Amino acid sequence: MAVNFENLIKQIVTPLVSHPEDVLVKTLSDEGKELAIQVLVNEEDLGRVIGKGGKIASAIRTIVYAGASKEGVRVRIDIDAF
């Protein structure tokens, strides 16, 4: 069963933000066993997604990495604002 990482990340991030319509998750590169995923949120919500000391961003990465390890894939997540 393949994991849809874009959908997983969007489902995690959307409840955290004040502007859920601005959440954009896209795959930048898919090179076989490595994925680069970019998460874009409203500038006002960036702090909510990263969290104090990066704890929320780290938790998001941990969840995604757990799914990726079962698939044998490496995932890099970049969180940014627009």
PDB file of N, CA and C in Angstrom:
ATOM      1  N   MET A   1       0.841  -1.185   0.000  1.00  0.00           N
ATOM      2  CA  MET A   1       0.000   0.000   0.000  1.00  0.00           C
ATOM      3  C   MET A   1       0.887   1.249   0.000  1.00  0.00           C
ATOM      4  N   ALA A   2       0.775   2.056  -1.013  1.00  0.00           N
ATOM      5  CA  ALA A   2       1.593   3.261  -1.146  1.00  0.00           C
ATOM      6  C   ALA A   2       1.012   4.406  -0.314  1.00  0.00           C
ATOM      7  N   VAL A   3       1.894   5.137   0.313  1.00  0.00           N
ATOM      8  CA  VAL A   3       1.492   6.276   1.129  1.00  0.00           C
ATOM      9  C   VAL A   3       1.501   7.525   0.264  1.00  0.00           C
ATOM     10  N   ASN A   4       0.417   8.299   0.308  1.00  0.00           N
ATOM     11  CA  ASN A   4       0.360   9.580  -0.384  1.00  0.00           C
ATOM     12  C   ASN A   4       0.873  10.634   0.597  1.00  0.00           C
ATOM     13  N   PHE A   5       2.156  10.959   0.494  1.00  0.00           N
ATOM     14  CA  PHE A   5       2.794  11.850   1.457  1.00  0.00           C
ATOM     15  C   PHE A   5       2.229  13.261   1.397  1.00  0.00           C
ATOM     16  N   GLU A   6       1.884  13.735   0.208  1.00  0.00           N
ATOM     17  CA  GLU A   6       1.299  15.078   0.084  1.00  0.00           C
ATOM     18  C   GLU A   6      -0.006  15.157   0.879  1.00  0.00           C
ATOM     19  N   ASN A   7      -0.861  14.168   0.710  1.00  0.00           N
ATOM     20  CA  ASN A   7      -2.145  14.149   1.405  1.00  0.00           C
ATOM     21  C   ASN A   7      -1.941  14.021   2.911  1.00  0.00           C
ATOM     22  N   LEU A   8      -1.024  13.172   3.335  1.00  0.00           N
ATOM     23  CA  LEU A   8      -0.741  12.980   4.755  1.00  0.00           C
ATOM     24  C   LEU A   8      -0.298  14.282   5.404  1.00  0.00           C
ATOM     25  N   ILE A   9       0.647  14.978   4.778  1.00  0.00           N
ATOM     26  CA  ILE A   9       1.156  16.233   5.328  1.00  0.00           C
ATOM     27  C   ILE A   9       0.054  17.286   5.364  1.00  0.00           C
ATOM     28  N   LYS A  10      -0.747  17.363   4.300  1.00  0.00           N
ATOM     29  CA  LYS A  10      -1.825  18.352   4.256  1.00  0.00           C
ATOM     30  C   LYS A  10      -2.839  18.094   5.369  1.00  0.00           C
ATOM     31  N   GLN A  11      -3.162  16.836   5.635  1.00  0.00           N
ATOM     32  CA  GLN A  11      -4.103  16.502   6.698  1.00  0.00           C
ATOM     33  C   GLN A  11      -3.554  16.846   8.075  1.00  0.00           C
ATOM     34  N   ILE A  12      -2.248  16.779   8.248  1.00  0.00           N
ATOM     35  CA  ILE A  12      -1.630  17.131   9.528  1.00  0.00           C
ATOM     36  C   ILE A  12      -1.565  18.644   9.702  1.00  0.00           C
ATOM     37  N   VAL A  13      -1.188  19.363   8.648  1.00  0.00           N
ATOM     38  CA  VAL A  13      -0.939  20.802   8.744  1.00  0.00           C
ATOM     39  C   VAL A  13      -2.223  21.631   8.761  1.00  0.00           C
ATOM     40  N   THR A  14      -3.225  21.246   7.992  1.00  0.00           N
ATOM     41  CA  THR A  14      -4.437  22.059   7.837  1.00  0.00           C
ATOM     42  C   THR A  14      -5.110  22.417   9.167  1.00  0.00           C
ATOM     43  N   PRO A  15      -5.286  21.501  10.111  1.00  0.00           N
ATOM     44  CA  PRO A  15      -5.931  21.894  11.374  1.00  0.00           C
ATOM     45  C   PRO A  15      -5.093  22.835  12.238  1.00  0.00           C
ATOM     46  N   LEU A  16      -3.810  22.956  11.959  1.00  0.00           N
ATOM     47  CA  LEU A  16      -2.925  23.789  12.766  1.00  0.00           C
ATOM     48  C   LEU A  16      -2.997  25.273  12.412  1.00  0.00           C
ATOM     49  N   VAL A  17      -3.454  25.597  11.215  1.00  0.00           N
ATOM     50  CA  VAL A  17      -3.335  26.963  10.696  1.00  0.00           C
ATOM     51  C   VAL A  17      -4.653  27.738  10.770  1.00  0.00           C
ATOM     52  N   SER A  18      -4.540  29.064  10.710  1.00  0.00           N
ATOM     53  CA  SER A  18      -5.708  29.942  10.692  1.00  0.00           C
ATOM     54  C   SER A  18      -6.270  30.126   9.290  1.00  0.00           C
ATOM     55  N   HIS A  19      -5.427  29.916   8.303  1.00  0.00           N
ATOM     56  CA  HIS A  19      -5.821  30.072   6.903  1.00  0.00           C
ATOM     57  C   HIS A  19      -5.647  28.733   6.179  1.00  0.00           C
ATOM     58  N   PRO A  20      -6.554  27.771   6.412  1.00  0.00           N
ATOM     59  CA  PRO A  20      -6.383  26.444   5.801  1.00  0.00           C
ATOM     60  C   PRO A  20      -6.465  26.458   4.280  1.00  0.00           C
ATOM     61  N   GLU A  21      -7.112  27.469   3.712  1.00  0.00           N
ATOM     62  CA  GLU A  21      -7.215  27.547   2.255  1.00  0.00           C
ATOM     63  C   GLU A  21      -5.874  27.880   1.608  1.00  0.00           C
ATOM     64  N   ASP A  22      -4.920  28.380   2.389  1.00  0.00           N
ATOM     65  CA  ASP A  22      -3.609  28.754   1.864  1.00  0.00           C
ATOM     66  C   ASP A  22      -2.568  27.639   1.963  1.00  0.00           C
ATOM     67  N   VAL A  23      -2.932  26.496   2.521  1.00  0.00           N
ATOM     68  CA  VAL A  23      -1.976  25.394   2.664  1.00  0.00           C
ATOM     69  C   VAL A  23      -1.750  24.749   1.302  1.00  0.00           C
ATOM     70  N   LEU A  24      -0.497  24.693   0.904  1.00  0.00           N
ATOM     71  CA  LEU A  24      -0.131  24.086  -0.377  1.00  0.00           C
ATOM     72  C   LEU A  24       1.012  23.100  -0.128  1.00  0.00           C
ATOM     73  N   VAL A  25       0.788  21.853  -0.524  1.00  0.00           N
ATOM     74  CA  VAL A  25       1.802  20.811  -0.367  1.00  0.00           C
ATOM     75  C   VAL A  25       2.083  20.251  -1.755  1.00  0.00           C
ATOM     76  N   LYS A  26       3.351  20.303  -2.159  1.00  0.00           N
ATOM     77  CA  LYS A  26       3.677  19.786  -3.488  1.00  0.00           C
ATOM     78  C   LYS A  26       5.008  19.051  -3.462  1.00  0.00           C
ATOM     79  N   THR A  27       5.110  18.065  -4.326  1.00  0.00           N
ATOM     80  CA  THR A  27       6.339  17.298  -4.468  1.00  0.00           C
ATOM     81  C   THR A  27       7.239  18.011  -5.463  1.00  0.00           C
ATOM     82  N   LEU A  28       8.425  18.379  -5.013  1.00  0.00           N
ATOM     83  CA  LEU A  28       9.372  19.086  -5.883  1.00  0.00           C
ATOM     84  C   LEU A  28      10.168  18.111  -6.734  1.00  0.00           C
ATOM     85  N   SER A  29      10.608  17.018  -6.134  1.00  0.00           N
ATOM     86  CA  SER A  29      11.353  16.035  -6.915  1.00  0.00           C
ATOM     87  C   SER A  29      11.025  14.635  -6.417  1.00  0.00           C
ATOM     88  N   ASP A  30      10.924  13.741  -7.343  1.00  0.00           N
ATOM     89  CA  ASP A  30      10.634  12.348  -7.035  1.00  0.00           C
ATOM     90  C   ASP A  30      11.659  11.510  -7.778  1.00  0.00           C
ATOM     91  N   GLU A  31      12.766  11.239  -7.114  1.00  0.00           N
ATOM     92  CA  GLU A  31      13.867  10.522  -7.746  1.00  0.00           C
ATOM     93  C   GLU A  31      13.944   9.099  -7.209  1.00  0.00           C
ATOM     94  N   GLY A  32      12.969   8.303  -7.545  1.00  0.00           N
ATOM     95  CA  GLY A  32      12.976   6.904  -7.123  1.00  0.00           C
ATOM     96  C   GLY A  32      12.740   6.741  -5.640  1.00  0.00           C
ATOM     97  N   LYS A  33      13.800   6.604  -4.893  1.00  0.00           N
ATOM     98  CA  LYS A  33      13.705   6.354  -3.456  1.00  0.00           C
ATOM     99  C   LYS A  33      13.843   7.622  -2.615  1.00  0.00           C
ATOM    100  N   GLU A  34      13.862   8.793  -3.247  1.00  0.00           N
ATOM    101  CA  GLU A  34      13.959  10.050  -2.507  1.00  0.00           C
ATOM    102  C   GLU A  34      12.897  11.030  -2.977  1.00  0.00           C
ATOM    103  N   LEU A  35      12.218  11.641  -2.024  1.00  0.00           N
ATOM    104  CA  LEU A  35      11.189  12.645  -2.316  1.00  0.00           C
ATOM    105  C   LEU A  35      11.559  13.958  -1.647  1.00  0.00           C
ATOM    106  N   ALA A  36      11.317  15.059  -2.330  1.00  0.00           N
ATOM    107  CA  ALA A  36      11.453  16.387  -1.739  1.00  0.00           C
ATOM    108  C   ALA A  36      10.073  17.021  -1.787  1.00  0.00           C
ATOM    109  N   ILE A  37       9.535  17.337  -0.614  1.00  0.00           N
ATOM    110  CA  ILE A  37       8.186  17.888  -0.527  1.00  0.00           C
ATOM    111  C   ILE A  37       8.258  19.270   0.089  1.00  0.00           C
ATOM    112  N   GLN A  38       7.562  20.216  -0.531  1.00  0.00           N
ATOM    113  CA  GLN A  38       7.521  21.586  -0.026  1.00  0.00           C
ATOM    114  C   GLN A  38       6.133  21.866   0.536  1.00  0.00           C
ATOM    115  N   VAL A  39       6.113  22.448   1.733  1.00  0.00           N
ATOM    116  CA  VAL A  39       4.869  22.841   2.387  1.00  0.00           C
ATOM    117  C   VAL A  39       4.861  24.363   2.446  1.00  0.00           C
ATOM    118  N   LEU A  40       3.871  24.970   1.809  1.00  0.00           N
ATOM    119  CA  LEU A  40       3.737  26.426   1.826  1.00  0.00           C
ATOM    120  C   LEU A  40       2.486  26.788   2.608  1.00  0.00           C
ATOM    121  N   VAL A  41       2.631  27.730   3.541  1.00  0.00           N
ATOM    122  CA  VAL A  41       1.499  28.212   4.333  1.00  0.00           C
ATOM    123  C   VAL A  41       1.504  29.732   4.317  1.00  0.00           C
ATOM    124  N   ASN A  42       0.418  30.309   4.763  1.00  0.00           N
ATOM    125  CA  ASN A  42       0.324  31.758   4.899  1.00  0.00           C
ATOM    126  C   ASN A  42       1.413  32.225   5.867  1.00  0.00           C
ATOM    127  N   GLU A  43       1.957  33.397   5.612  1.00  0.00           N
ATOM    128  CA  GLU A  43       3.038  33.922   6.449  1.00  0.00           C
ATOM    129  C   GLU A  43       2.640  34.007   7.925  1.00  0.00           C
ATOM    130  N   GLU A  44       1.368  34.308   8.201  1.00  0.00           N
ATOM    131  CA  GLU A  44       0.886  34.398   9.577  1.00  0.00           C
ATOM    132  C   GLU A  44       0.881  33.040  10.277  1.00  0.00           C
ATOM    133  N   ASP A  45       0.820  31.953   9.516  1.00  0.00           N
ATOM    134  CA  ASP A  45       0.720  30.611  10.079  1.00  0.00           C
ATOM    135  C   ASP A  45       2.050  29.881  10.176  1.00  0.00           C
ATOM    136  N   LEU A  46       3.107  30.465   9.684  1.00  0.00           N
ATOM    137  CA  LEU A  46       4.392  29.775   9.648  1.00  0.00           C
ATOM    138  C   LEU A  46       4.845  29.367  11.055  1.00  0.00           C
ATOM    139  N   GLY A  47       4.698  30.254  12.008  1.00  0.00           N
ATOM    140  CA  GLY A  47       5.089  29.949  13.387  1.00  0.00           C
ATOM    141  C   GLY A  47       4.275  28.825  13.993  1.00  0.00           C
ATOM    142  N   ARG A  48       3.012  28.727  13.603  1.00  0.00           N
ATOM    143  CA  ARG A  48       2.159  27.651  14.120  1.00  0.00           C
ATOM    144  C   ARG A  48       2.591  26.297  13.587  1.00  0.00           C
ATOM    145  N   VAL A  49       3.041  26.259  12.350  1.00  0.00           N
ATOM    146  CA  VAL A  49       3.440  24.993  11.738  1.00  0.00           C
ATOM    147  C   VAL A  49       4.827  24.572  12.223  1.00  0.00           C
ATOM    148  N   ILE A  50       5.719  25.521  12.425  1.00  0.00           N
ATOM    149  CA  ILE A  50       7.065  25.192  12.891  1.00  0.00           C
ATOM    150  C   ILE A  50       7.049  24.917  14.399  1.00  0.00           C
ATOM    151  N   GLY A  51       6.325  25.728  15.148  1.00  0.00           N
ATOM    152  CA  GLY A  51       6.226  25.527  16.591  1.00  0.00           C
ATOM    153  C   GLY A  51       7.424  26.082  17.336  1.00  0.00           C
ATOM    154  N   LYS A  52       7.274  26.149  18.635  1.00  0.00           N
ATOM    155  CA  LYS A  52       8.331  26.685  19.489  1.00  0.00           C
ATOM    156  C   LYS A  52       9.534  25.739  19.455  1.00  0.00           C
ATOM    157  N   GLY A  53      10.653  26.269  19.024  1.00  0.00           N
ATOM    158  CA  GLY A  53      11.859  25.457  18.940  1.00  0.00           C
ATOM    159  C   GLY A  53      11.799  24.405  17.841  1.00  0.00           C
ATOM    160  N   GLY A  54      10.834  24.526  16.928  1.00  0.00           N
ATOM    161  CA  GLY A  54      10.717  23.579  15.827  1.00  0.00           C
ATOM    162  C   GLY A  54      10.083  22.251  16.209  1.00  0.00           C
ATOM    163  N   LYS A  55       9.416  22.212  17.354  1.00  0.00           N
ATOM    164  CA  LYS A  55       8.873  20.942  17.852  1.00  0.00           C
ATOM    165  C   LYS A  55       7.743  20.392  16.982  1.00  0.00           C
ATOM    166  N   ILE A  56       6.869  21.252  16.491  1.00  0.00           N
ATOM    167  CA  ILE A  56       5.758  20.768  15.658  1.00  0.00           C
ATOM    168  C   ILE A  56       6.288  20.284  14.311  1.00  0.00           C
ATOM    169  N   ALA A  57       7.204  21.042  13.716  1.00  0.00           N
ATOM    170  CA  ALA A  57       7.799  20.624  12.446  1.00  0.00           C
ATOM    171  C   ALA A  57       8.524  19.292  12.620  1.00  0.00           C
ATOM    172  N   SER A  58       9.197  19.119  13.723  1.00  0.00           N
ATOM    173  CA  SER A  58       9.896  17.867  13.997  1.00  0.00           C
ATOM    174  C   SER A  58       8.905  16.712  14.145  1.00  0.00           C
ATOM    175  N   ALA A  59       7.783  16.959  14.795  1.00  0.00           N
ATOM    176  CA  ALA A  59       6.762  15.920  14.960  1.00  0.00           C
ATOM    177  C   ALA A  59       6.163  15.532  13.607  1.00  0.00           C
ATOM    178  N   ILE A  60       5.909  16.526  12.757  1.00  0.00           N
ATOM    179  CA  ILE A  60       5.384  16.247  11.415  1.00  0.00           C
ATOM    180  C   ILE A  60       6.376  15.390  10.642  1.00  0.00           C
ATOM    181  N   ARG A  61       7.644  15.759  10.700  1.00  0.00           N
ATOM    182  CA  ARG A  61       8.674  14.995   9.995  1.00  0.00           C
ATOM    183  C   ARG A  61       8.766  13.566  10.530  1.00  0.00           C
ATOM    184  N   THR A  62       8.653  13.395  11.835  1.00  0.00           N
ATOM    185  CA  THR A  62       8.721  12.063  12.432  1.00  0.00           C
ATOM    186  C   THR A  62       7.604  11.170  11.920  1.00  0.00           C
ATOM    187  N   ILE A  63       6.395  11.706  11.844  1.00  0.00           N
ATOM    188  CA  ILE A  63       5.250  10.927  11.347  1.00  0.00           C
ATOM    189  C   ILE A  63       5.464  10.537   9.891  1.00  0.00           C
ATOM    190  N   VAL A  64       5.889  11.491   9.083  1.00  0.00           N
ATOM    191  CA  VAL A  64       6.098  11.218   7.656  1.00  0.00           C
ATOM    192  C   VAL A  64       7.252  10.246   7.458  1.00  0.00           C
ATOM    193  N   TYR A  65       8.331  10.411   8.223  1.00  0.00           N
ATOM    194  CA  TYR A  65       9.476   9.509   8.095  1.00  0.00           C
ATOM    195  C   TYR A  65       9.097   8.080   8.470  1.00  0.00           C
ATOM    196  N   ALA A  66       8.200   7.926   9.444  1.00  0.00           N
ATOM    197  CA  ALA A  66       7.759   6.586   9.836  1.00  0.00           C
ATOM    198  C   ALA A  66       7.057   5.895   8.661  1.00  0.00           C
ATOM    199  N   GLY A  67       6.182   6.624   7.977  1.00  0.00           N
ATOM    200  CA  GLY A  67       5.512   6.066   6.810  1.00  0.00           C
ATOM    201  C   GLY A  67       6.480   5.805   5.672  1.00  0.00           C
ATOM    202  N   ALA A  68       7.455   6.690   5.535  1.00  0.00           N
ATOM    203  CA  ALA A  68       8.430   6.557   4.453  1.00  0.00           C
ATOM    204  C   ALA A  68       9.343   5.349   4.680  1.00  0.00           C
ATOM    205  N   SER A  69       9.686   5.080   5.928  1.00  0.00           N
ATOM    206  CA  SER A  69      10.574   3.954   6.195  1.00  0.00           C
ATOM    207  C   SER A  69       9.899   2.628   5.849  1.00  0.00           C
ATOM    208  N   LYS A  70       8.582   2.551   6.038  1.00  0.00           N
ATOM    209  CA  LYS A  70       7.853   1.336   5.660  1.00  0.00           C
ATOM    210  C   LYS A  70       7.839   1.150   4.145  1.00  0.00           C
ATOM    211  N   GLU A  71       7.894   2.260   3.410  1.00  0.00           N
ATOM    212  CA  GLU A  71       7.896   2.217   1.947  1.00  0.00           C
ATOM    213  C   GLU A  71       9.309   2.110   1.366  1.00  0.00           C
ATOM    214  N   GLY A  72      10.319   2.284   2.217  1.00  0.00           N
ATOM    215  CA  GLY A  72      11.697   2.256   1.733  1.00  0.00           C
ATOM    216  C   GLY A  72      12.074   3.519   0.986  1.00  0.00           C
ATOM    217  N   VAL A  73      11.490   4.642   1.393  1.00  0.00           N
ATOM    218  CA  VAL A  73      11.691   5.923   0.711  1.00  0.00           C
ATOM    219  C   VAL A  73      12.255   6.926   1.714  1.00  0.00           C
ATOM    220  N   ARG A  74      13.091   7.843   1.227  1.00  0.00           N
ATOM    221  CA  ARG A  74      13.571   8.961   2.052  1.00  0.00           C
ATOM    222  C   ARG A  74      12.798  10.203   1.646  1.00  0.00           C
ATOM    223  N   VAL A  75      12.325  10.960   2.631  1.00  0.00           N
ATOM    224  CA  VAL A  75      11.529  12.151   2.367  1.00  0.00           C
ATOM    225  C   VAL A  75      12.206  13.343   3.029  1.00  0.00           C
ATOM    226  N   ARG A  76      12.316  14.443   2.264  1.00  0.00           N
ATOM    227  CA  ARG A  76      12.796  15.722   2.800  1.00  0.00           C
ATOM    228  C   ARG A  76      11.644  16.697   2.750  1.00  0.00           C
ATOM    229  N   ILE A  77      11.345  17.349   3.863  1.00  0.00           N
ATOM    230  CA  ILE A  77      10.227  18.278   3.931  1.00  0.00           C
ATOM    231  C   ILE A  77      10.762  19.679   4.187  1.00  0.00           C
ATOM    232  N   ASP A  78      10.390  20.620   3.317  1.00  0.00           N
ATOM    233  CA  ASP A  78      10.740  22.026   3.481  1.00  0.00           C
ATOM    234  C   ASP A  78       9.459  22.787   3.801  1.00  0.00           C
ATOM    235  N   ILE A  79       9.471  23.534   4.910  1.00  0.00           N
ATOM    236  CA  ILE A  79       8.304  24.326   5.309  1.00  0.00           C
ATOM    237  C   ILE A  79       8.641  25.787   5.103  1.00  0.00           C
ATOM    238  N   ASP A  80       7.752  26.495   4.389  1.00  0.00           N
ATOM    239  CA  ASP A  80       8.016  27.894   4.076  1.00  0.00           C
ATOM    240  C   ASP A  80       6.689  28.641   3.977  1.00  0.00           C
ATOM    241  N   ALA A  81       6.770  29.959   3.905  1.00  0.00           N
ATOM    242  CA  ALA A  81       5.586  30.808   3.774  1.00  0.00           C
ATOM    243  C   ALA A  81       5.627  31.538   2.444  1.00  0.00           C
ATOM    244  N   PHE A  82       4.473  31.984   1.987  1.00  0.00           N
ATOM    245  CA  PHE A  82       4.419  32.802   0.768  1.00  0.00           C
ATOM    246  C   PHE A  82       3.627  34.051   1.029  1.00  0.00           C
TER     247      PHE A  82
END
